[in-house]
Full PDB file with SEQRES, HELIX, SHEET, SSBOND, CRYST1, ORIGX, SCALE, CONECT and MASTER records, all heavy atoms in Angstrom:
SEQRES   1 A   30  GLU GLN CYS GLY GLY TYR PHE ASP PHE LEU THR SER ASP          
SEQRES   2 A   30  GLY GLN VAL ILE GLU GLY ASP LYS ILE VAL THR LEU GLN          
SEQRES   3 A   30  ALA GLN GLN VAL                                              
HELIX    1 AA1 VAL A   23  GLN A   29  1                                   7    
CRYST1    1.000    1.000    1.000  90.00  90.00  90.00 P 1           1          
ORIGX1      1.000000  0.000000  0.000000        0.00000                         
ORIGX2      0.000000  1.000000  0.000000        0.00000                         
ORIGX3      0.000000  0.000000  1.000000        0.00000                         
SCALE1      1.000000  0.000000  0.000000        0.00000                         
SCALE2      0.000000  1.000000  0.000000        0.00000                         
SCALE3      0.000000  0.000000  1.000000        0.00000                         
ATOM      1  N   GLU A   1       0.159  -0.527   7.663  1.00  0.00           N  
ATOM      2  CA  GLU A   1       1.513  -0.282   7.175  1.00  0.00           C  
ATOM      3  C   GLU A   1       2.438  -1.460   7.441  1.00  0.00           C  
ATOM      4  O   GLU A   1       3.419  -1.666   6.712  1.00  0.00           O  
ATOM      5  CB  GLU A   1       2.084   0.979   7.834  1.00  0.00           C  
ATOM      6  CG  GLU A   1       1.295   2.250   7.547  1.00  0.00           C  
ATOM      7  CD  GLU A   1       1.455   2.726   6.108  1.00  0.00           C  
ATOM      8  OE1 GLU A   1       2.178   2.069   5.335  1.00  0.00           O  
ATOM      9  OE2 GLU A   1       0.862   3.768   5.762  1.00  0.00           O  
ATOM     10  N   GLN A   2       2.157  -2.253   8.445  1.00  0.00           N  
ATOM     11  CA  GLN A   2       3.045  -3.347   8.810  1.00  0.00           C  
ATOM     12  C   GLN A   2       2.837  -4.586   7.943  1.00  0.00           C  
ATOM     13  O   GLN A   2       3.808  -5.180   7.455  1.00  0.00           O  
ATOM     14  CB  GLN A   2       2.833  -3.716  10.282  1.00  0.00           C  
ATOM     15  CG  GLN A   2       3.738  -4.840  10.756  1.00  0.00           C  
ATOM     16  CD  GLN A   2       3.538  -5.147  12.229  1.00  0.00           C  
ATOM     17  OE1 GLN A   2       2.898  -4.396  12.960  1.00  0.00           O  
ATOM     18  NE2 GLN A   2       4.089  -6.276  12.678  1.00  0.00           N  
ATOM     19  N   CYS A   3       1.576  -4.973   7.714  1.00  0.00           N  
ATOM     20  CA  CYS A   3       1.293  -6.232   7.020  1.00  0.00           C  
ATOM     21  C   CYS A   3       0.713  -6.050   5.626  1.00  0.00           C  
ATOM     22  O   CYS A   3       0.581  -7.019   4.881  1.00  0.00           O  
ATOM     23  CB  CYS A   3       0.327  -7.080   7.865  1.00  0.00           C  
ATOM     24  SG  CYS A   3       1.004  -7.588   9.446  1.00  0.00           S  
ATOM     25  N   GLY A   4       0.371  -4.836   5.264  1.00  0.00           N  
ATOM     26  CA  GLY A   4      -0.234  -4.588   3.963  1.00  0.00           C  
ATOM     27  C   GLY A   4      -1.751  -4.674   4.020  1.00  0.00           C  
ATOM     28  O   GLY A   4      -2.340  -5.183   4.976  1.00  0.00           O  
ATOM     29  N   GLY A   5      -2.378  -4.151   2.988  1.00  0.00           N  
ATOM     30  CA  GLY A   5      -3.833  -4.144   2.964  1.00  0.00           C  
ATOM     31  C   GLY A   5      -4.411  -3.106   3.919  1.00  0.00           C  
ATOM     32  O   GLY A   5      -3.741  -2.140   4.297  1.00  0.00           O  
ATOM     33  N   TYR A   6      -5.642  -3.337   4.338  1.00  0.00           N  
ATOM     34  CA  TYR A   6      -6.349  -2.377   5.168  1.00  0.00           C  
ATOM     35  C   TYR A   6      -6.937  -3.056   6.402  1.00  0.00           C  
ATOM     36  O   TYR A   6      -7.214  -4.256   6.400  1.00  0.00           O  
ATOM     37  CB  TYR A   6      -7.499  -1.728   4.387  1.00  0.00           C  
ATOM     38  CG  TYR A   6      -7.125  -1.226   3.022  1.00  0.00           C  
ATOM     39  CD1 TYR A   6      -7.656  -1.818   1.880  1.00  0.00           C  
ATOM     40  CD2 TYR A   6      -6.230  -0.167   2.869  1.00  0.00           C  
ATOM     41  CE1 TYR A   6      -7.322  -1.365   0.613  1.00  0.00           C  
ATOM     42  CE2 TYR A   6      -5.886   0.299   1.604  1.00  0.00           C  
ATOM     43  CZ  TYR A   6      -6.434  -0.302   0.480  1.00  0.00           C  
ATOM     44  OH  TYR A   6      -6.098   0.140  -0.764  1.00  0.00           O  
ATOM     45  N   PHE A   7      -7.150  -2.247   7.438  1.00  0.00           N  
ATOM     46  CA  PHE A   7      -7.895  -2.708   8.593  1.00  0.00           C  
ATOM     47  C   PHE A   7      -9.389  -2.574   8.285  1.00  0.00           C  
ATOM     48  O   PHE A   7      -9.848  -1.512   7.875  1.00  0.00           O  
ATOM     49  CB  PHE A   7      -7.542  -1.886   9.833  1.00  0.00           C  
ATOM     50  CG  PHE A   7      -6.117  -2.053  10.286  1.00  0.00           C  
ATOM     51  CD1 PHE A   7      -5.203  -1.017  10.158  1.00  0.00           C  
ATOM     52  CD2 PHE A   7      -5.686  -3.252  10.840  1.00  0.00           C  
ATOM     53  CE1 PHE A   7      -3.889  -1.153  10.573  1.00  0.00           C  
ATOM     54  CE2 PHE A   7      -4.360  -3.407  11.257  1.00  0.00           C  
ATOM     55  CZ  PHE A   7      -3.470  -2.362  11.125  1.00  0.00           C  
ATOM     56  N   ASP A   8     -10.144  -3.632   8.511  1.00  0.00           N  
ATOM     57  CA  ASP A   8     -11.577  -3.627   8.200  1.00  0.00           C  
ATOM     58  C   ASP A   8     -12.445  -3.294   9.403  1.00  0.00           C  
ATOM     59  O   ASP A   8     -13.665  -3.181   9.264  1.00  0.00           O  
ATOM     60  CB  ASP A   8     -12.005  -4.993   7.645  1.00  0.00           C  
ATOM     61  CG  ASP A   8     -11.469  -5.230   6.245  1.00  0.00           C  
ATOM     62  OD1 ASP A   8     -11.264  -4.239   5.520  1.00  0.00           O  
ATOM     63  OD2 ASP A   8     -11.245  -6.395   5.872  1.00  0.00           O  
ATOM     64  N   PHE A   9     -11.827  -3.151  10.571  1.00  0.00           N  
ATOM     65  CA  PHE A   9     -12.584  -2.822  11.778  1.00  0.00           C  
ATOM     66  C   PHE A   9     -11.966  -1.574  12.409  1.00  0.00           C  
ATOM     67  O   PHE A   9     -10.819  -1.597  12.851  1.00  0.00           O  
ATOM     68  CB  PHE A   9     -12.543  -3.976  12.786  1.00  0.00           C  
ATOM     69  CG  PHE A   9     -13.072  -5.278  12.258  1.00  0.00           C  
ATOM     70  CD1 PHE A   9     -12.262  -6.125  11.505  1.00  0.00           C  
ATOM     71  CD2 PHE A   9     -14.374  -5.674  12.526  1.00  0.00           C  
ATOM     72  CE1 PHE A   9     -12.738  -7.336  11.022  1.00  0.00           C  
ATOM     73  CE2 PHE A   9     -14.858  -6.884  12.047  1.00  0.00           C  
ATOM     74  CZ  PHE A   9     -14.047  -7.717  11.297  1.00  0.00           C  
ATOM     75  N   LEU A  10     -12.736  -0.479  12.441  1.00  0.00           N  
ATOM     76  CA  LEU A  10     -12.231   0.779  12.969  1.00  0.00           C  
ATOM     77  C   LEU A  10     -13.274   1.413  13.891  1.00  0.00           C  
ATOM     78  O   LEU A  10     -14.470   1.389  13.601  1.00  0.00           O  
ATOM     79  CB  LEU A  10     -11.906   1.750  11.828  1.00  0.00           C  
ATOM     80  CG  LEU A  10     -10.807   1.318  10.846  1.00  0.00           C  
ATOM     81  CD1 LEU A  10     -10.783   2.239   9.636  1.00  0.00           C  
ATOM     82  CD2 LEU A  10      -9.443   1.290  11.535  1.00  0.00           C  
ATOM     83  N   THR A  11     -12.815   1.983  14.988  1.00  0.00           N  
ATOM     84  CA  THR A  11     -13.719   2.639  15.925  1.00  0.00           C  
ATOM     85  C   THR A  11     -14.183   3.981  15.359  1.00  0.00           C  
ATOM     86  O   THR A  11     -13.756   4.408  14.280  1.00  0.00           O  
ATOM     87  CB  THR A  11     -13.032   2.885  17.272  1.00  0.00           C  
ATOM     88  OG1 THR A  11     -11.969   3.844  17.070  1.00  0.00           O  
ATOM     89  CG2 THR A  11     -12.451   1.593  17.839  1.00  0.00           C  
ATOM     90  N   SER A  12     -15.016   4.656  16.114  1.00  0.00           N  
ATOM     91  CA  SER A  12     -15.549   5.944  15.668  1.00  0.00           C  
ATOM     92  C   SER A  12     -14.467   6.989  15.476  1.00  0.00           C  
ATOM     93  O   SER A  12     -14.616   7.899  14.656  1.00  0.00           O  
ATOM     94  CB  SER A  12     -16.590   6.458  16.676  1.00  0.00           C  
ATOM     95  OG  SER A  12     -17.702   5.596  16.723  1.00  0.00           O  
ATOM     96  N   ASP A  13     -13.364   6.877  16.242  1.00  0.00           N  
ATOM     97  CA  ASP A  13     -12.268   7.840  16.077  1.00  0.00           C  
ATOM     98  C   ASP A  13     -11.105   7.264  15.286  1.00  0.00           C  
ATOM     99  O   ASP A  13     -10.005   7.823  15.277  1.00  0.00           O  
ATOM    100  CB  ASP A  13     -11.797   8.362  17.440  1.00  0.00           C  
ATOM    101  CG  ASP A  13     -11.261   7.260  18.346  1.00  0.00           C  
ATOM    102  OD1 ASP A  13     -11.316   6.075  17.943  1.00  0.00           O  
ATOM    103  OD2 ASP A  13     -10.790   7.579  19.448  1.00  0.00           O  
ATOM    104  N   GLY A  14     -11.326   6.110  14.629  1.00  0.00           N  
ATOM    105  CA  GLY A  14     -10.327   5.565  13.727  1.00  0.00           C  
ATOM    106  C   GLY A  14      -9.344   4.608  14.349  1.00  0.00           C  
ATOM    107  O   GLY A  14      -8.400   4.178  13.674  1.00  0.00           O  
ATOM    108  N   GLN A  15      -9.535   4.243  15.614  1.00  0.00           N  
ATOM    109  CA  GLN A  15      -8.639   3.269  16.233  1.00  0.00           C  
ATOM    110  C   GLN A  15      -8.920   1.874  15.674  1.00  0.00           C  
ATOM    111  O   GLN A  15     -10.047   1.532  15.341  1.00  0.00           O  
ATOM    112  CB  GLN A  15      -8.823   3.275  17.750  1.00  0.00           C  
ATOM    113  CG  GLN A  15      -8.494   4.599  18.402  1.00  0.00           C  
ATOM    114  CD  GLN A  15      -7.055   5.028  18.163  1.00  0.00           C  
ATOM    115  OE1 GLN A  15      -6.123   4.265  18.413  1.00  0.00           O  
ATOM    116  NE2 GLN A  15      -6.880   6.243  17.661  1.00  0.00           N  
ATOM    117  N   VAL A  16      -7.876   1.075  15.588  1.00  0.00           N  
ATOM    118  CA  VAL A  16      -8.001  -0.257  15.006  1.00  0.00           C  
ATOM    119  C   VAL A  16      -8.618  -1.228  16.008  1.00  0.00           C  
ATOM    120  O   VAL A  16      -8.203  -1.301  17.166  1.00  0.00           O  
ATOM    121  CB  VAL A  16      -6.631  -0.782  14.553  1.00  0.00           C  
ATOM    122  CG1 VAL A  16      -6.741  -2.232  14.059  1.00  0.00           C  
ATOM    123  CG2 VAL A  16      -6.060   0.108  13.455  1.00  0.00           C  
ATOM    124  N   ILE A  17      -9.628  -1.962  15.549  1.00  0.00           N  
ATOM    125  CA  ILE A  17     -10.181  -3.083  16.295  1.00  0.00           C  
ATOM    126  C   ILE A  17      -9.584  -4.337  15.667  1.00  0.00           C  
ATOM    127  O   ILE A  17      -9.779  -4.599  14.484  1.00  0.00           O  
ATOM    128  CB  ILE A  17     -11.717  -3.113  16.195  1.00  0.00           C  
ATOM    129  CG1 ILE A  17     -12.313  -1.787  16.690  1.00  0.00           C  
ATOM    130  CG2 ILE A  17     -12.289  -4.294  16.985  1.00  0.00           C  
ATOM    131  CD1 ILE A  17     -13.807  -1.665  16.424  1.00  0.00           C  
ATOM    132  N   GLU A  18      -8.844  -5.111  16.429  1.00  0.00           N  
ATOM    133  CA  GLU A  18      -8.136  -6.251  15.862  1.00  0.00           C  
ATOM    134  C   GLU A  18      -9.114  -7.248  15.246  1.00  0.00           C  
ATOM    135  O   GLU A  18     -10.166  -7.537  15.799  1.00  0.00           O  
ATOM    136  CB  GLU A  18      -7.301  -6.941  16.952  1.00  0.00           C  
ATOM    137  CG  GLU A  18      -6.159  -6.076  17.465  1.00  0.00           C  
ATOM    138  CD  GLU A  18      -5.302  -6.807  18.475  1.00  0.00           C  
ATOM    139  OE1 GLU A  18      -5.435  -8.040  18.590  1.00  0.00           O  
ATOM    140  OE2 GLU A  18      -4.499  -6.142  19.144  1.00  0.00           O  
ATOM    141  N   GLY A  19      -8.740  -7.759  14.082  1.00  0.00           N  
ATOM    142  CA  GLY A  19      -9.610  -8.708  13.395  1.00  0.00           C  
ATOM    143  C   GLY A  19      -8.997  -9.161  12.087  1.00  0.00           C  
ATOM    144  O   GLY A  19      -7.882  -8.755  11.722  1.00  0.00           O  
ATOM    145  N   ASP A  20      -9.726 -10.007  11.382  1.00  0.00           N  
ATOM    146  CA  ASP A  20      -9.269 -10.512  10.094  1.00  0.00           C  
ATOM    147  C   ASP A  20      -9.509  -9.481   8.992  1.00  0.00           C  
ATOM    148  O   ASP A  20     -10.050  -8.394   9.238  1.00  0.00           O  
ATOM    149  CB  ASP A  20     -10.006 -11.808   9.749  1.00  0.00           C  
ATOM    150  CG  ASP A  20      -9.598 -12.962  10.653  1.00  0.00           C  
ATOM    151  OD1 ASP A  20      -8.432 -12.991  11.083  1.00  0.00           O  
ATOM    152  OD2 ASP A  20     -10.458 -13.818  10.946  1.00  0.00           O  
ATOM    153  N   LYS A  21      -9.128  -9.841   7.777  1.00  0.00           N  
ATOM    154  CA  LYS A  21      -9.324  -8.979   6.620  1.00  0.00           C  
ATOM    155  C   LYS A  21     -10.292  -9.639   5.655  1.00  0.00           C  
ATOM    156  O   LYS A  21     -10.094 -10.787   5.246  1.00  0.00           O  
ATOM    157  CB  LYS A  21      -7.982  -8.670   5.945  1.00  0.00           C  
ATOM    158  CG  LYS A  21      -7.082  -7.791   6.822  1.00  0.00           C  
ATOM    159  CD  LYS A  21      -5.707  -7.571   6.256  1.00  0.00           C  
ATOM    160  CE  LYS A  21      -4.921  -6.625   7.178  1.00  0.00           C  
ATOM    161  NZ  LYS A  21      -3.516  -6.455   6.745  1.00  0.00           N  
ATOM    162  N   ILE A  22     -11.343  -8.913   5.302  1.00  0.00           N  
ATOM    163  CA  ILE A  22     -12.391  -9.418   4.430  1.00  0.00           C  
ATOM    164  C   ILE A  22     -12.011  -9.079   2.989  1.00  0.00           C  
ATOM    165  O   ILE A  22     -11.848  -7.900   2.652  1.00  0.00           O  
ATOM    166  CB  ILE A  22     -13.752  -8.803   4.791  1.00  0.00           C  
ATOM    167  CG1 ILE A  22     -13.965  -8.836   6.310  1.00  0.00           C  
ATOM    168  CG2 ILE A  22     -14.869  -9.528   4.047  1.00  0.00           C  
ATOM    169  CD1 ILE A  22     -13.874 -10.200   6.938  1.00  0.00           C  
ATOM    170  N   VAL A  23     -11.860 -10.089   2.147  1.00  0.00           N  
ATOM    171  CA  VAL A  23     -11.363  -9.865   0.785  1.00  0.00           C  
ATOM    172  C   VAL A  23     -12.266  -8.895   0.026  1.00  0.00           C  
ATOM    173  O   VAL A  23     -11.779  -8.006  -0.689  1.00  0.00           O  
ATOM    174  CB  VAL A  23     -11.234 -11.204   0.040  1.00  0.00           C  
ATOM    175  CG1 VAL A  23     -10.943 -10.973  -1.442  1.00  0.00           C  
ATOM    176  CG2 VAL A  23     -10.127 -12.049   0.667  1.00  0.00           C  
ATOM    177  N   THR A  24     -13.575  -9.044   0.156  1.00  0.00           N  
ATOM    178  CA  THR A  24     -14.494  -8.140  -0.548  1.00  0.00           C  
ATOM    179  C   THR A  24     -14.250  -6.692  -0.143  1.00  0.00           C  
ATOM    180  O   THR A  24     -14.178  -5.799  -1.005  1.00  0.00           O  
ATOM    181  CB  THR A  24     -15.954  -8.527  -0.257  1.00  0.00           C  
ATOM    182  OG1 THR A  24     -16.211  -9.831  -0.798  1.00  0.00           O  
ATOM    183  CG2 THR A  24     -16.921  -7.532  -0.881  1.00  0.00           C  
ATOM    184  N   LEU A  25     -14.101  -6.432   1.156  1.00  0.00           N  
ATOM    185  CA  LEU A  25     -13.885  -5.058   1.618  1.00  0.00           C  
ATOM    186  C   LEU A  25     -12.521  -4.534   1.205  1.00  0.00           C  
ATOM    187  O   LEU A  25     -12.380  -3.348   0.863  1.00  0.00           O  
ATOM    188  CB  LEU A  25     -14.047  -4.985   3.135  1.00  0.00           C  
ATOM    189  CG  LEU A  25     -15.423  -5.307   3.704  1.00  0.00           C  
ATOM    190  CD1 LEU A  25     -15.456  -5.046   5.216  1.00  0.00           C  
ATOM    191  CD2 LEU A  25     -16.511  -4.487   3.016  1.00  0.00           C  
ATOM    192  N   GLN A  26     -11.505  -5.399   1.245  1.00  0.00           N  
ATOM    193  CA  GLN A  26     -10.182  -4.979   0.791  1.00  0.00           C  
ATOM    194  C   GLN A  26     -10.236  -4.537  -0.674  1.00  0.00           C  
ATOM    195  O   GLN A  26      -9.739  -3.470  -1.044  1.00  0.00           O  
ATOM    196  CB  GLN A  26      -9.197  -6.140   0.939  1.00  0.00           C  
ATOM    197  CG  GLN A  26      -8.991  -6.646   2.359  1.00  0.00           C  
ATOM    198  CD  GLN A  26      -8.099  -5.759   3.189  1.00  0.00           C  
ATOM    199  OE1 GLN A  26      -7.004  -5.376   2.766  1.00  0.00           O  
ATOM    200  NE2 GLN A  26      -8.536  -5.423   4.386  1.00  0.00           N  
ATOM    201  N   ALA A  27     -10.866  -5.368  -1.498  1.00  0.00           N  
ATOM    202  CA  ALA A  27     -10.940  -5.066  -2.930  1.00  0.00           C  
ATOM    203  C   ALA A  27     -11.793  -3.839  -3.202  1.00  0.00           C  
ATOM    204  O   ALA A  27     -11.472  -3.020  -4.076  1.00  0.00           O  
ATOM    205  CB  ALA A  27     -11.498  -6.274  -3.681  1.00  0.00           C  
ATOM    206  N   GLN A  28     -12.879  -3.689  -2.483  1.00  0.00           N  
ATOM    207  CA  GLN A  28     -13.755  -2.544  -2.720  1.00  0.00           C  
ATOM    208  C   GLN A  28     -13.098  -1.236  -2.306  1.00  0.00           C  
ATOM    209  O   GLN A  28     -13.357  -0.191  -2.908  1.00  0.00           O  
ATOM    210  CB  GLN A  28     -15.081  -2.750  -2.001  1.00  0.00           C  
ATOM    211  CG  GLN A  28     -15.947  -3.811  -2.668  1.00  0.00           C  
ATOM    212  CD  GLN A  28     -17.279  -4.019  -1.986  1.00  0.00           C  
ATOM    213  OE1 GLN A  28     -17.505  -3.585  -0.854  1.00  0.00           O  
ATOM    214  NE2 GLN A  28     -18.182  -4.707  -2.671  1.00  0.00           N  
ATOM    215  N   GLN A  29     -12.236  -1.279  -1.293  1.00  0.00           N  
ATOM    216  CA  GLN A  29     -11.498  -0.060  -0.944  1.00  0.00           C  
ATOM    217  C   GLN A  29     -10.465   0.272  -2.016  1.00  0.00           C  
ATOM    218  O   GLN A  29     -10.275   1.450  -2.351  1.00  0.00           O  
ATOM    219  CB  GLN A  29     -10.839  -0.189   0.430  1.00  0.00           C  
ATOM    220  CG  GLN A  29     -10.254   1.129   0.913  1.00  0.00           C  
ATOM    221  CD  GLN A  29      -9.920   1.155   2.391  1.00  0.00           C  
ATOM    222  OE1 GLN A  29      -9.257   2.081   2.854  1.00  0.00           O  
ATOM    223  NE2 GLN A  29     -10.348   0.173   3.147  1.00  0.00           N  
ATOM    224  N   VAL A  30      -9.810  -0.739  -2.555  1.00  0.00           N  
ATOM    225  CA  VAL A  30      -8.904  -0.500  -3.686  1.00  0.00           C  
ATOM    226  C   VAL A  30      -9.674   0.126  -4.837  1.00  0.00           C  
ATOM    227  O   VAL A  30      -9.238   1.131  -5.432  1.00  0.00           O  
ATOM    228  CB  VAL A  30      -8.248  -1.824  -4.146  1.00  0.00           C  
ATOM    229  CG1 VAL A  30      -7.457  -1.604  -5.439  1.00  0.00           C  
ATOM    230  CG2 VAL A  30      -7.347  -2.392  -3.065  1.00  0.00           C  
TER     231      VAL A  30                                                      
MASTER        0    0    0    1    0    0    0    6  230    1    0    3          
END                                                                             
């Protein structure tokens, strides 16, 4: 919500693992 796009690294309960954004994964989620 802060920077736009999606978080590509998430724990089993959905917590964010800090990291970069992979263009392929961003586009495939869209």
